[in-house]
Amino acid sequence: MGPGNTKTRRGVFITVGTTAFDNLIKVLLVPEIIAQLNGHGYNEIRIQYGKGKDVYDAAFTPEMKELVKETGISIAGFEYEESSRITELIQEADLIISHAGSGTILDALRYQKAIIVVPNESLMDNHQAELANEMSKQKYVIRGKLDQFAANIELAQTYKFRHFPRTGSKRFVDVLEDEIEKAEKDKMYGEG
């Protein structure tokens, strides 16, 4: 049996947050990326697609359906969930692929998960890019790029992620608090 067909559950959780981020779904939900993930032993993919249900549904081409059947990989998607369920999905996953939302990053770090973050460049006043760049510089996350996802996934297999700082990391807390504050303002003004 190849690594993609093992009985051990290895999961990937993909999340776009509360805004539309169809490009992330389009890049990830293709046979080449799914086969690559399966080749690394991932056999369960959960996708929170937000406003992108049409994009999610369109990804299940005959080629994709055949790959799912051949590999036995489980792919399931949903629009939104309660934050407590999102936290559970993060806890259960072995790899997180996410928009660069501060809450998702914080949860992934709290549970010491490998995480690839991709800023949603379509957002106005894009604090996601700032957060992703800073967290990547500090080696907490891989800052993913839509046009390099196969390479991002390969890197995640061997990357030495820094663990969540339990104490004494004022810089980390400052960056995160600043980004959470910006996110709250965006919610108040309907930007993201």
C-alpha atoms as a PDB file:
ATOM      1  CA  MET A   1       0.000   0.000   0.000  1.00  0.00           C
ATOM      2  CA  GLY A   2       1.258   3.482  -0.857  1.00  0.00           C
ATOM      3  CA  PRO A   3       1.318   6.283   1.727  1.00  0.00           C
ATOM      4  CA  GLY A   4      -1.968   7.686   0.438  1.00  0.00           C
ATOM      5  CA  ASN A   5      -3.787   4.435   1.138  1.00  0.00           C
ATOM      6  CA  THR A   6      -2.830   3.900   4.765  1.00  0.00           C
ATOM      7  CA  LYS A   7      -5.458   3.314   7.421  1.00  0.00           C
ATOM      8  CA  THR A   8      -4.034   6.093   9.588  1.00  0.00           C
ATOM      9  CA  ARG A   9      -6.085   9.243   9.379  1.00  0.00           C
ATOM     10  CA  ARG A  10      -4.094  12.266   8.256  1.00  0.00           C
ATOM     11  CA  GLY A  11      -6.085  15.372   7.633  1.00  0.00           C
ATOM     12  CA  VAL A  12      -5.850  18.700   5.889  1.00  0.00           C
ATOM     13  CA  PHE A  13      -8.133  21.547   6.861  1.00  0.00           C
ATOM     14  CA  ILE A  14      -8.542  24.331   4.305  1.00  0.00           C
ATOM     15  CA  THR A  15     -10.319  27.512   5.362  1.00  0.00           C
ATOM     16  CA  VAL A  16     -11.090  30.788   3.592  1.00  0.00           C
ATOM     17  CA  GLY A  17     -12.712  32.555   6.552  1.00  0.00           C
ATOM     18  CA  THR A  18     -15.800  34.714   6.259  1.00  0.00           C
ATOM     19  CA  THR A  19     -14.931  36.474   3.017  1.00  0.00           C
ATOM     20  CA  ALA A  20     -14.902  35.161  -0.534  1.00  0.00           C
ATOM     21  CA  PHE A  21     -11.529  33.630  -1.453  1.00  0.00           C
ATOM     22  CA  ASP A  22     -12.409  31.568  -4.512  1.00  0.00           C
ATOM     23  CA  ASN A  23      -8.845  31.621  -5.837  1.00  0.00           C
ATOM     24  CA  LEU A  24      -7.592  29.604  -2.869  1.00  0.00           C
ATOM     25  CA  ILE A  25     -10.224  26.923  -3.499  1.00  0.00           C
ATOM     26  CA  LYS A  26      -9.521  26.926  -7.263  1.00  0.00           C
ATOM     27  CA  VAL A  27      -5.782  26.420  -6.709  1.00  0.00           C
ATOM     28  CA  LEU A  28      -6.117  23.673  -4.108  1.00  0.00           C
ATOM     29  CA  LEU A  29      -9.067  21.660  -5.324  1.00  0.00           C
ATOM     30  CA  VAL A  30      -7.441  20.286  -8.468  1.00  0.00           C
ATOM     31  CA  PRO A  31      -6.358  16.688  -9.137  1.00  0.00           C
ATOM     32  CA  GLU A  32      -2.634  17.524  -9.105  1.00  0.00           C
ATOM     33  CA  ILE A  33      -2.729  19.073  -5.614  1.00  0.00           C
ATOM     34  CA  ILE A  34      -5.088  16.437  -4.213  1.00  0.00           C
ATOM     35  CA  ALA A  35      -2.825  13.675  -5.589  1.00  0.00           C
ATOM     36  CA  GLN A  36       0.213  15.424  -4.091  1.00  0.00           C
ATOM     37  CA  LEU A  37      -1.455  15.627  -0.678  1.00  0.00           C
ATOM     38  CA  ASN A  38      -2.518  12.001  -0.919  1.00  0.00           C
ATOM     39  CA  GLY A  39       1.029  11.037  -1.870  1.00  0.00           C
ATOM     40  CA  HIS A  40       2.175  12.541   1.444  1.00  0.00           C
ATOM     41  CA  GLY A  41      -0.304  10.356   3.299  1.00  0.00           C
ATOM     42  CA  TYR A  42      -3.138  12.846   3.733  1.00  0.00           C
ATOM     43  CA  ASN A  43      -6.411  11.011   3.277  1.00  0.00           C
ATOM     44  CA  GLU A  44      -9.007  13.404   4.677  1.00  0.00           C
ATOM     45  CA  ILE A  45      -9.560  16.937   3.410  1.00  0.00           C
ATOM     46  CA  ARG A  46     -12.082  19.303   4.965  1.00  0.00           C
ATOM     47  CA  ILE A  47     -12.751  22.598   3.212  1.00  0.00           C
ATOM     48  CA  GLN A  48     -14.508  25.616   4.651  1.00  0.00           C
ATOM     49  CA  TYR A  49     -15.248  27.397   1.371  1.00  0.00           C
ATOM     50  CA  GLY A  50     -17.253  30.376   2.674  1.00  0.00           C
ATOM     51  CA  LYS A  51     -19.040  32.108  -0.171  1.00  0.00           C
ATOM     52  CA  GLY A  52     -17.376  29.834  -2.757  1.00  0.00           C
ATOM     53  CA  LYS A  53     -19.846  26.925  -2.961  1.00  0.00           C
ATOM     54  CA  ASP A  54     -20.069  27.189  -6.755  1.00  0.00           C
ATOM     55  CA  VAL A  55     -16.275  27.039  -7.060  1.00  0.00           C
ATOM     56  CA  TYR A  56     -16.152  24.073  -4.675  1.00  0.00           C
ATOM     57  CA  ASP A  57     -18.867  22.190  -6.566  1.00  0.00           C
ATOM     58  CA  ALA A  58     -17.276  22.930  -9.961  1.00  0.00           C
ATOM     59  CA  ALA A  59     -13.986  21.354  -8.823  1.00  0.00           C
ATOM     60  CA  PHE A  60     -15.516  17.875  -8.859  1.00  0.00           C
ATOM     61  CA  THR A  61     -14.834  17.193 -12.511  1.00  0.00           C
ATOM     62  CA  PRO A  62     -14.859  13.608 -13.829  1.00  0.00           C
ATOM     63  CA  GLU A  63     -11.055  13.528 -13.396  1.00  0.00           C
ATOM     64  CA  MET A  64     -11.351  14.666  -9.748  1.00  0.00           C
ATOM     65  CA  LYS A  65     -14.110  12.142  -9.030  1.00  0.00           C
ATOM     66  CA  GLU A  66     -11.973   9.356 -10.508  1.00  0.00           C
ATOM     67  CA  LEU A  67      -8.977  10.384  -8.363  1.00  0.00           C
ATOM     68  CA  VAL A  68     -11.129  10.389  -5.226  1.00  0.00           C
ATOM     69  CA  LYS A  69     -12.446   6.936  -6.106  1.00  0.00           C
ATOM     70  CA  GLU A  70      -8.973   5.521  -6.885  1.00  0.00           C
ATOM     71  CA  THR A  71      -7.253   6.898  -3.783  1.00  0.00           C
ATOM     72  CA  GLY A  72     -10.101   6.639  -1.305  1.00  0.00           C
ATOM     73  CA  ILE A  73      -9.322  10.163  -0.153  1.00  0.00           C
ATOM     74  CA  SER A  74     -12.213  11.801   1.665  1.00  0.00           C
ATOM     75  CA  ILE A  75     -13.088  15.372   0.636  1.00  0.00           C
ATOM     76  CA  ALA A  76     -15.919  17.278   2.282  1.00  0.00           C
ATOM     77  CA  GLY A  77     -16.771  20.957   2.263  1.00  0.00           C
ATOM     78  CA  PHE A  78     -19.041  23.366   4.053  1.00  0.00           C
ATOM     79  CA  GLU A  79     -19.882  27.061   3.981  1.00  0.00           C
ATOM     80  CA  TYR A  80     -19.510  28.133   7.627  1.00  0.00           C
ATOM     81  CA  GLU A  81     -19.382  26.582  11.081  1.00  0.00           C
ATOM     82  CA  GLU A  82     -19.398  27.793  14.653  1.00  0.00           C
ATOM     83  CA  SER A  83     -15.948  28.940  15.775  1.00  0.00           C
ATOM     84  CA  SER A  84     -15.790  26.056  18.263  1.00  0.00           C
ATOM     85  CA  ARG A  85     -16.190  23.570  15.395  1.00  0.00           C
ATOM     86  CA  ILE A  86     -13.506  25.361  13.367  1.00  0.00           C
ATOM     87  CA  THR A  87     -11.194  25.033  16.374  1.00  0.00           C
ATOM     88  CA  GLU A  88     -11.976  21.288  16.516  1.00  0.00           C
ATOM     89  CA  LEU A  89     -11.177  20.905  12.817  1.00  0.00           C
ATOM     90  CA  ILE A  90      -7.865  22.678  13.373  1.00  0.00           C
ATOM     91  CA  GLN A  91      -7.093  20.374  16.309  1.00  0.00           C
ATOM     92  CA  GLU A  92      -7.918  17.278  14.230  1.00  0.00           C
ATOM     93  CA  ALA A  93      -5.926  18.309  11.144  1.00  0.00           C
ATOM     94  CA  ASP A  94      -2.269  17.607  10.514  1.00  0.00           C
ATOM     95  CA  LEU A  95      -1.901  20.471   8.024  1.00  0.00           C
ATOM     96  CA  ILE A  96      -3.830  23.737   7.897  1.00  0.00           C
ATOM     97  CA  ILE A  97      -4.076  25.756   4.679  1.00  0.00           C
ATOM     98  CA  SER A  98      -5.718  29.059   5.363  1.00  0.00           C
ATOM     99  CA  HIS A  99      -6.391  32.646   4.506  1.00  0.00           C
ATOM    100  CA  ALA A 100      -4.190  34.759   6.753  1.00  0.00           C
ATOM    101  CA  GLY A 101      -6.838  35.380   9.392  1.00  0.00           C
ATOM    102  CA  SER A 102      -5.477  36.042  12.868  1.00  0.00           C
ATOM    103  CA  GLY A 103      -7.932  33.701  14.615  1.00  0.00           C
ATOM    104  CA  THR A 104      -7.033  30.736  12.419  1.00  0.00           C
ATOM    105  CA  ILE A 105      -3.320  31.405  12.791  1.00  0.00           C
ATOM    106  CA  LEU A 106      -3.647  31.698  16.559  1.00  0.00           C
ATOM    107  CA  ASP A 107      -5.567  28.407  16.811  1.00  0.00           C
ATOM    108  CA  ALA A 108      -3.075  26.595  14.563  1.00  0.00           C
ATOM    109  CA  LEU A 109      -0.187  27.862  16.663  1.00  0.00           C
ATOM    110  CA  ARG A 110      -1.944  27.026  19.917  1.00  0.00           C
ATOM    111  CA  TYR A 111      -2.287  23.396  18.777  1.00  0.00           C
ATOM    112  CA  GLN A 112       1.186  23.351  17.170  1.00  0.00           C
ATOM    113  CA  LYS A 113      -0.075  22.595  13.674  1.00  0.00           C
ATOM    114  CA  ALA A 114       1.765  23.006  10.413  1.00  0.00           C
ATOM    115  CA  ILE A 115       0.125  25.935   8.661  1.00  0.00           C
ATOM    116  CA  ILE A 116       0.388  27.504   5.243  1.00  0.00           C
ATOM    117  CA  VAL A 117      -1.222  30.942   5.159  1.00  0.00           C
ATOM    118  CA  VAL A 118      -2.213  32.728   1.980  1.00  0.00           C
ATOM    119  CA  PRO A 119      -3.279  36.354   2.228  1.00  0.00           C
ATOM    120  CA  ASN A 120      -6.437  37.198   0.338  1.00  0.00           C
ATOM    121  CA  GLU A 121      -5.021  39.916  -1.899  1.00  0.00           C
ATOM    122  CA  SER A 122      -8.502  41.033  -2.962  1.00  0.00           C
ATOM    123  CA  LEU A 123      -9.257  42.537   0.450  1.00  0.00           C
ATOM    124  CA  MET A 124      -9.002  46.278   0.918  1.00  0.00           C
ATOM    125  CA  ASP A 125      -6.430  47.485   3.476  1.00  0.00           C
ATOM    126  CA  ASN A 126      -4.892  44.041   3.418  1.00  0.00           C
ATOM    127  CA  HIS A 127      -3.707  43.393   6.943  1.00  0.00           C
ATOM    128  CA  GLN A 128      -3.619  39.674   6.051  1.00  0.00           C
ATOM    129  CA  ALA A 129      -0.469  40.202   3.979  1.00  0.00           C
ATOM    130  CA  GLU A 130       1.212  42.064   6.846  1.00  0.00           C
ATOM    131  CA  LEU A 131       0.353  39.319   9.317  1.00  0.00           C
ATOM    132  CA  ALA A 132       1.404  36.501   6.977  1.00  0.00           C
ATOM    133  CA  ASN A 133       4.710  38.185   6.199  1.00  0.00           C
ATOM    134  CA  GLU A 134       5.520  38.836   9.863  1.00  0.00           C
ATOM    135  CA  MET A 135       4.530  35.340  11.019  1.00  0.00           C
ATOM    136  CA  SER A 136       6.556  33.830   8.171  1.00  0.00           C
ATOM    137  CA  LYS A 137       9.598  35.925   9.044  1.00  0.00           C
ATOM    138  CA  GLN A 138       9.381  34.563  12.576  1.00  0.00           C
ATOM    139  CA  LYS A 139       8.989  30.974  11.225  1.00  0.00           C
ATOM    140  CA  TYR A 140       5.545  30.362  12.765  1.00  0.00           C
ATOM    141  CA  VAL A 141       3.910  29.797   9.368  1.00  0.00           C
ATOM    142  CA  ILE A 142       4.713  29.239   5.731  1.00  0.00           C
ATOM    143  CA  ARG A 143       3.568  32.226   3.716  1.00  0.00           C
ATOM    144  CA  GLY A 144       1.932  30.517   0.777  1.00  0.00           C
ATOM    145  CA  LYS A 145       1.496  31.855  -2.720  1.00  0.00           C
ATOM    146  CA  LEU A 146      -1.337  30.863  -5.008  1.00  0.00           C
ATOM    147  CA  ASP A 147       0.992  30.274  -7.950  1.00  0.00           C
ATOM    148  CA  GLN A 148       3.409  28.081  -5.949  1.00  0.00           C
ATOM    149  CA  PHE A 149       1.158  25.725  -4.046  1.00  0.00           C
ATOM    150  CA  ALA A 150       2.853  22.460  -4.983  1.00  0.00           C
ATOM    151  CA  ALA A 151       6.127  23.900  -3.635  1.00  0.00           C
ATOM    152  CA  ASN A 152       4.351  25.230  -0.510  1.00  0.00           C
ATOM    153  CA  ILE A 153       3.006  21.745   0.257  1.00  0.00           C
ATOM    154  CA  GLU A 154       6.430  20.172  -0.259  1.00  0.00           C
ATOM    155  CA  LEU A 155       8.005  22.717   2.080  1.00  0.00           C
ATOM    156  CA  ALA A 156       5.385  22.045   4.770  1.00  0.00           C
ATOM    157  CA  GLN A 157       6.447  18.387   4.946  1.00  0.00           C
ATOM    158  CA  THR A 158       9.888  19.204   6.364  1.00  0.00           C
ATOM    159  CA  TYR A 159       9.582  22.802   7.590  1.00  0.00           C
ATOM    160  CA  LYS A 160      10.724  23.454  11.162  1.00  0.00           C
ATOM    161  CA  PHE A 161       7.813  25.516  12.449  1.00  0.00           C
ATOM    162  CA  ARG A 162       8.479  27.520  15.603  1.00  0.00           C
ATOM    163  CA  HIS A 163       6.222  26.571  18.446  1.00  0.00           C
ATOM    164  CA  PHE A 164       3.719  28.949  19.901  1.00  0.00           C
ATOM    165  CA  PRO A 165       5.470  31.132  22.468  1.00  0.00           C
ATOM    166  CA  ARG A 166       4.050  30.358  25.889  1.00  0.00           C
ATOM    167  CA  THR A 167       5.662  33.342  27.618  1.00  0.00           C
ATOM    168  CA  GLY A 168       8.134  36.092  26.994  1.00  0.00           C
ATOM    169  CA  SER A 169       7.379  36.902  23.367  1.00  0.00           C
ATOM    170  CA  LYS A 170       6.108  40.450  23.493  1.00  0.00           C
ATOM    171  CA  ARG A 171       6.789  41.019  19.764  1.00  0.00           C
ATOM    172  CA  PHE A 172       4.540  38.103  18.800  1.00  0.00           C
ATOM    173  CA  VAL A 173       1.752  39.288  21.089  1.00  0.00           C
ATOM    174  CA  ASP A 174       2.071  42.866  19.796  1.00  0.00           C
ATOM    175  CA  VAL A 175       1.816  41.768  16.155  1.00  0.00           C
ATOM    176  CA  LEU A 176      -1.127  39.492  16.840  1.00  0.00           C
ATOM    177  CA  GLU A 177      -3.015  42.059  18.934  1.00  0.00           C
ATOM    178  CA  ASP A 178      -2.484  44.681  16.236  1.00  0.00           C
ATOM    179  CA  GLU A 179      -3.842  42.345  13.559  1.00  0.00           C
ATOM    180  CA  ILE A 180      -6.835  41.294  15.669  1.00  0.00           C
ATOM    181  CA  GLU A 181      -7.663  44.954  16.261  1.00  0.00           C
ATOM    182  CA  LYS A 182      -7.518  45.630  12.505  1.00  0.00           C
ATOM    183  CA  ALA A 183      -9.718  42.592  11.832  1.00  0.00           C
ATOM    184  CA  GLU A 184     -12.307  43.803  14.350  1.00  0.00           C
ATOM    185  CA  LYS A 185     -12.373  47.225  12.678  1.00  0.00           C
ATOM    186  CA  ASP A 186     -12.818  45.554   9.284  1.00  0.00           C
ATOM    187  CA  LYS A 187     -15.785  43.579  10.642  1.00  0.00           C
ATOM    188  CA  MET A 188     -17.363  46.765  11.999  1.00  0.00           C
ATOM    189  CA  TYR A 189     -17.038  48.434   8.620  1.00  0.00           C
ATOM    190  CA  GLY A 190     -17.903  45.333   6.585  1.00  0.00           C
ATOM    191  CA  GLU A 191     -14.536  44.898   4.885  1.00  0.00           C
ATOM    192  CA  GLY A 192     -13.613  41.409   5.788  1.00  0.00           C
END
